[in-house]
PDB file of N, CA and C in Angstrom:
ATOM      1  N   UNK A   1      22.753  19.501  13.613  1.00  0.00           N
ATOM      2  CA  UNK A   1      23.415  17.737  13.916  1.00  0.00           C
ATOM      3  C   UNK A   1      22.327  17.080  13.606  1.00  0.00           C
ATOM      4  N   UNK A   2      21.080  17.578  13.585  1.00  0.00           N
ATOM      5  CA  UNK A   2      19.712  16.478  13.149  1.00  0.00           C
ATOM      6  C   UNK A   2      20.085  16.537  11.750  1.00  0.00           C
ATOM      7  N   UNK A   3      19.963  17.606  10.599  1.00  0.00           N
ATOM      8  CA  UNK A   3      20.546  17.247   9.324  1.00  0.00           C
ATOM      9  C   UNK A   3      21.803  16.497   9.126  1.00  0.00           C
ATOM     10  N   UNK A   4      22.519  15.906   9.856  1.00  0.00           N
ATOM     11  CA  UNK A   4      23.785  15.231   9.416  1.00  0.00           C
ATOM     12  C   UNK A   4      23.008  13.935   9.497  1.00  0.00           C
ATOM     13  N   UNK A   5      22.189  13.797  10.953  1.00  0.00           N
ATOM     14  CA  UNK A   5      21.790  12.375  10.945  1.00  0.00           C
ATOM     15  C   UNK A   5      20.850  11.849   9.752  1.00  0.00           C
ATOM     16  N   UNK A   6      20.081  12.960   9.580  1.00  0.00           N
ATOM     17  CA  UNK A   6      19.194  12.297   8.634  1.00  0.00           C
ATOM     18  C   UNK A   6      19.014  12.209   6.833  1.00  0.00           C
ATOM     19  N   UNK A   7      20.559  12.961   7.055  1.00  0.00           N
ATOM     20  CA  UNK A   7      21.504  12.987   5.417  1.00  0.00           C
ATOM     21  C   UNK A   7      21.931  11.644   5.708  1.00  0.00           C
ATOM     22  N   UNK A   8      22.762  11.130   6.669  1.00  0.00           N
ATOM     23  CA  UNK A   8      23.411   9.628   6.953  1.00  0.00           C
ATOM     24  C   UNK A   8      22.538   8.821   6.542  1.00  0.00           C
ATOM     25  N   UNK A   9      21.193   9.236   7.159  1.00  0.00           N
ATOM     26  CA  UNK A   9      19.894   7.945   7.412  1.00  0.00           C
ATOM     27  C   UNK A   9      19.709   7.831   5.611  1.00  0.00           C
ATOM     28  N   UNK A  10      19.585   9.036   5.209  1.00  0.00           N
ATOM     29  CA  UNK A  10      19.067   8.781   3.509  1.00  0.00           C
ATOM     30  C   UNK A  10      20.379   8.538   2.548  1.00  0.00           C
ATOM     31  N   UNK A  11      21.607   8.546   2.940  1.00  0.00           N
ATOM     32  CA  UNK A  11      22.676   7.765   2.161  1.00  0.00           C
ATOM     33  C   UNK A  11      22.587   6.431   2.783  1.00  0.00           C
ATOM     34  N   UNK A  12      21.956   6.070   3.783  1.00  0.00           N
ATOM     35  CA  UNK A  12      22.034   4.185   4.111  1.00  0.00           C
ATOM     36  C   UNK A  12      20.767   4.010   2.948  1.00  0.00           C
ATOM     37  N   UNK A  13      19.758   4.698   3.127  1.00  0.00           N
ATOM     38  CA  UNK A  13      18.882   4.236   2.565  1.00  0.00           C
ATOM     39  C   UNK A  13      19.375   3.868   0.753  1.00  0.00           C
ATOM     40  N   UNK A  14      19.761   5.045   0.551  1.00  0.00           N
ATOM     41  CA  UNK A  14      19.959   5.165  -1.009  1.00  0.00           C
ATOM     42  C   UNK A  14      20.821   3.930  -1.606  1.00  0.00           C
ATOM     43  N   UNK A  15      22.149   3.751  -0.083  1.00  0.00           N
ATOM     44  CA  UNK A  15      23.017   2.892  -0.528  1.00  0.00           C
ATOM     45  C   UNK A  15      22.190   0.993  -0.644  1.00  0.00           C
ATOM     46  N   UNK A  16      21.135   0.974   0.289  1.00  0.00           N
ATOM     47  CA  UNK A  16      20.232  -0.374   0.183  1.00  0.00           C
ATOM     48  C   UNK A  16      19.760  -0.509  -1.068  1.00  0.00           C
ATOM     49  N   UNK A  17      19.052   0.503  -1.316  1.00  0.00           N
ATOM     50  CA  UNK A  17      17.910   0.509  -2.563  1.00  0.00           C
ATOM     51  C   UNK A  17      18.757   0.171  -4.082  1.00  0.00           C
ATOM     52  N   UNK A  18      20.263   0.802  -3.889  1.00  0.00           N
ATOM     53  CA  UNK A  18      20.969   0.634  -5.097  1.00  0.00           C
ATOM     54  C   UNK A  18      21.175  -0.764  -4.979  1.00  0.00           C
ATOM     55  N   UNK A  19      21.478  -1.552  -3.839  1.00  0.00           N
ATOM     56  CA  UNK A  19      21.999  -3.135  -3.831  1.00  0.00           C
ATOM     57  C   UNK A  19      21.053  -3.624  -4.133  1.00  0.00           C
ATOM     58  N   UNK A  20      19.448  -3.547  -4.001  1.00  0.00           N
ATOM     59  CA  UNK A  20      18.660  -3.901  -4.035  1.00  0.00           C
ATOM     60  C   UNK A  20      18.127  -4.262  -5.617  1.00  0.00           C
ATOM     61  N   UNK A  21      18.000  -3.187  -6.203  1.00  0.00           N
ATOM     62  CA  UNK A  21      17.962  -3.184  -7.607  1.00  0.00           C
ATOM     63  C   UNK A  21      18.902  -4.026  -8.589  1.00  0.00           C
ATOM     64  N   UNK A  22      20.383  -3.850  -7.994  1.00  0.00           N
ATOM     65  CA  UNK A  22      21.312  -4.736  -8.398  1.00  0.00           C
ATOM     66  C   UNK A  22      20.702  -6.210  -8.459  1.00  0.00           C
ATOM     67  N   UNK A  23      20.573  -6.265  -7.361  1.00  0.00           N
ATOM     68  CA  UNK A  23      20.032  -8.189  -7.232  1.00  0.00           C
ATOM     69  C   UNK A  23      19.081  -8.362  -7.662  1.00  0.00           C
ATOM     70  N   UNK A  24      18.209  -7.843  -8.068  1.00  0.00           N
ATOM     71  CA  UNK A  24      16.875  -8.099  -9.235  1.00  0.00           C
ATOM     72  C   UNK A  24      16.657  -9.010 -10.297  1.00  0.00           C
ATOM     73  N   UNK A  25      18.084  -8.229 -11.615  1.00  0.00           N
ATOM     74  CA  UNK A  25      17.768  -8.842 -12.630  1.00  0.00           C
ATOM     75  C   UNK A  25      18.831 -10.193 -12.465  1.00  0.00           C
ATOM     76  N   UNK A  26      19.806 -10.181 -11.639  1.00  0.00           N
ATOM     77  CA  UNK A  26      20.353 -11.492 -11.326  1.00  0.00           C
ATOM     78  C   UNK A  26      19.270 -12.642 -11.175  1.00  0.00           C
ATOM     79  N   UNK A  27      18.129 -12.507 -10.085  1.00  0.00           N
ATOM     80  CA  UNK A  27      17.258 -13.163  -9.947  1.00  0.00           C
ATOM     81  C   UNK A  27      16.304 -13.684 -10.818  1.00  0.00           C
ATOM     82  N   UNK A  28      15.810 -12.805 -11.598  1.00  0.00           N
ATOM     83  CA  UNK A  28      15.243 -12.530 -12.947  1.00  0.00           C
ATOM     84  C   UNK A  28      15.129 -13.618 -13.672  1.00  0.00           C
ATOM     85  N   UNK A  29      16.498 -14.125 -14.327  1.00  0.00           N
ATOM     86  CA  UNK A  29      17.112 -14.777 -15.365  1.00  0.00           C
ATOM     87  C   UNK A  29      16.533 -16.627 -14.822  1.00  0.00           C
ATOM     88  N   UNK A  30      16.794 -16.840 -13.744  1.00  0.00           N
ATOM     89  CA  UNK A  30      17.133 -17.906 -13.161  1.00  0.00           C
ATOM     90  C   UNK A  30      14.998 -18.496 -12.972  1.00  0.00           C
ATOM     91  N   UNK A  31      14.496 -17.754 -12.661  1.00  0.00           N
ATOM     92  CA  UNK A  31      13.080 -17.621 -12.505  1.00  0.00           C
ATOM     93  C   UNK A  31      12.378 -17.961 -13.415  1.00  0.00           C
ATOM     94  N   UNK A  32      12.932 -17.334 -15.004  1.00  0.00           N
ATOM     95  CA  UNK A  32      11.915 -17.508 -15.895  1.00  0.00           C
ATOM     96  C   UNK A  32      12.053 -18.942 -16.233  1.00  0.00           C
ATOM     97  N   UNK A  33      13.451 -19.538 -16.087  1.00  0.00           N
ATOM     98  CA  UNK A  33      13.158 -21.150 -16.419  1.00  0.00           C
ATOM     99  C   UNK A  33      12.526 -21.744 -15.328  1.00  0.00           C
ATOM    100  N   UNK A  34      12.257 -21.459 -14.398  1.00  0.00           N
ATOM    101  CA  UNK A  34      11.562 -22.222 -13.009  1.00  0.00           C
ATOM    102  C   UNK A  34      10.294 -22.261 -13.621  1.00  0.00           C
ATOM    103  N   UNK A  35       9.817 -20.725 -13.837  1.00  0.00           N
ATOM    104  CA  UNK A  35       8.338 -20.840 -14.209  1.00  0.00           C
ATOM    105  C   UNK A  35       7.874 -21.471 -15.421  1.00  0.00           C
ATOM    106  N   UNK A  36       8.810 -21.675 -16.666  1.00  0.00           N
ATOM    107  CA  UNK A  36       8.680 -22.129 -17.596  1.00  0.00           C
ATOM    108  C   UNK A  36       8.443 -23.940 -17.082  1.00  0.00           C
ATOM    109  N   UNK A  37       9.045 -24.259 -16.380  1.00  0.00           N
ATOM    110  CA  UNK A  37       9.400 -25.982 -15.998  1.00  0.00           C
ATOM    111  C   UNK A  37       8.263 -26.265 -15.445  1.00  0.00           C
ATOM    112  N   UNK A  38       7.852 -25.192 -14.715  1.00  0.00           N
ATOM    113  CA  UNK A  38       6.438 -25.431 -13.825  1.00  0.00           C
ATOM    114  C   UNK A  38       5.215 -25.241 -14.435  1.00  0.00           C
ATOM    115  N   UNK A  39       4.909 -24.549 -15.691  1.00  0.00           N
ATOM    116  CA  UNK A  39       4.063 -24.020 -16.245  1.00  0.00           C
ATOM    117  C   UNK A  39       3.782 -25.664 -17.091  1.00  0.00           C
ATOM    118  N   UNK A  40       5.264 -25.668 -17.791  1.00  0.00           N
ATOM    119  CA  UNK A  40       5.166 -27.051 -18.954  1.00  0.00           C
ATOM    120  C   UNK A  40       4.782 -28.506 -17.765  1.00  0.00           C
ATOM    121  N   UNK A  41       4.990 -28.840 -16.384  1.00  0.00           N
ATOM    122  CA  UNK A  41       4.821 -29.454 -15.677  1.00  0.00           C
ATOM    123  C   UNK A  41       3.609 -29.891 -15.154  1.00  0.00           C
ATOM    124  N   UNK A  42       2.618 -28.888 -15.372  1.00  0.00           N
ATOM    125  CA  UNK A  42       1.454 -28.849 -15.259  1.00  0.00           C
ATOM    126  C   UNK A  42       0.532 -28.809 -16.830  1.00  0.00           C
ATOM    127  N   UNK A  43       1.162 -28.428 -17.454  1.00  0.00           N
ATOM    128  CA  UNK A  43       0.678 -28.721 -18.989  1.00  0.00           C
ATOM    129  C   UNK A  43       0.319 -30.220 -18.908  1.00  0.00           C
ATOM    130  N   UNK A  44       1.875 -30.290 -18.743  1.00  0.00           N
ATOM    131  CA  UNK A  44       1.707 -32.425 -19.035  1.00  0.00           C
ATOM    132  C   UNK A  44       0.721 -33.263 -18.471  1.00  0.00           C
ATOM    133  N   UNK A  45       0.910 -32.648 -16.782  1.00  0.00           N
ATOM    134  CA  UNK A  45      -0.263 -33.278 -16.014  1.00  0.00           C
ATOM    135  C   UNK A  45      -1.608 -33.506 -16.741  1.00  0.00           C
ATOM    136  N   UNK A  46      -1.825 -32.198 -16.964  1.00  0.00           N
ATOM    137  CA  UNK A  46      -3.361 -32.094 -17.043  1.00  0.00           C
ATOM    138  C   UNK A  46      -4.062 -32.819 -18.724  1.00  0.00           C
ATOM    139  N   UNK A  47      -2.754 -33.317 -19.109  1.00  0.00           N
ATOM    140  CA  UNK A  47      -2.744 -33.719 -20.539  1.00  0.00           C
ATOM    141  C   UNK A  47      -2.923 -35.429 -20.250  1.00  0.00           C
ATOM    142  N   UNK A  48      -2.013 -36.005 -19.042  1.00  0.00           N
ATOM    143  CA  UNK A  48      -2.083 -36.972 -18.816  1.00  0.00           C
ATOM    144  C   UNK A  48      -3.356 -37.569 -18.372  1.00  0.00           C
ATOM    145  N   UNK A  49      -3.840 -36.480 -17.733  1.00  0.00           N
ATOM    146  CA  UNK A  49      -5.320 -36.712 -16.819  1.00  0.00           C
ATOM    147  C   UNK A  49      -6.805 -37.057 -17.750  1.00  0.00           C
ATOM    148  N   UNK A  50      -6.369 -35.607 -18.814  1.00  0.00           N
ATOM    149  CA  UNK A  50      -7.099 -36.072 -19.974  1.00  0.00           C
ATOM    150  C   UNK A  50      -7.195 -37.132 -20.797  1.00  0.00           C
ATOM    151  N   UNK A  51      -5.685 -37.534 -20.745  1.00  0.00           N
ATOM    152  CA  UNK A  51      -5.840 -38.939 -21.973  1.00  0.00           C
ATOM    153  C   UNK A  51      -6.531 -40.121 -21.300  1.00  0.00           C
ATOM    154  N   UNK A  52      -6.351 -39.838 -19.791  1.00  0.00           N
ATOM    155  CA  UNK A  52      -6.992 -41.214 -18.945  1.00  0.00           C
ATOM    156  C   UNK A  52      -8.205 -41.052 -18.582  1.00  0.00           C
ATOM    157  N   UNK A  53      -9.217 -39.887 -18.949  1.00  0.00           N
ATOM    158  CA  UNK A  53     -10.506 -39.598 -18.872  1.00  0.00           C
ATOM    159  C   UNK A  53     -10.853 -40.698 -20.172  1.00  0.00           C
ATOM    160  N   UNK A  54     -10.612 -39.988 -21.201  1.00  0.00           N
ATOM    161  CA  UNK A  54     -10.964 -40.334 -22.857  1.00  0.00           C
ATOM    162  C   UNK A  54     -10.747 -41.697 -22.728  1.00  0.00           C
ATOM    163  N   UNK A  55      -9.665 -42.551 -22.052  1.00  0.00           N
ATOM    164  CA  UNK A  55      -9.548 -43.994 -22.398  1.00  0.00           C
ATOM    165  C   UNK A  55     -10.611 -44.982 -21.605  1.00  0.00           C
ATOM    166  N   UNK A  56     -10.977 -44.025 -20.687  1.00  0.00           N
ATOM    167  CA  UNK A  56     -12.245 -45.240 -19.831  1.00  0.00           C
ATOM    168  C   UNK A  56     -13.368 -44.719 -20.221  1.00  0.00           C
TER     169      UNK A  56
END
């Protein structure tokens, strides 16, 4: 009986991990755009600050 319980627990675990793996690629596509925007925003901010300092 203990073997059946651990087996079902293992099956639940495998199912959960499979679902988790399926979700990962979907999020990756959107994250790339978000990171790109954040980096570009930071670069532009630094450029503007640098231009202000040189203008003074």
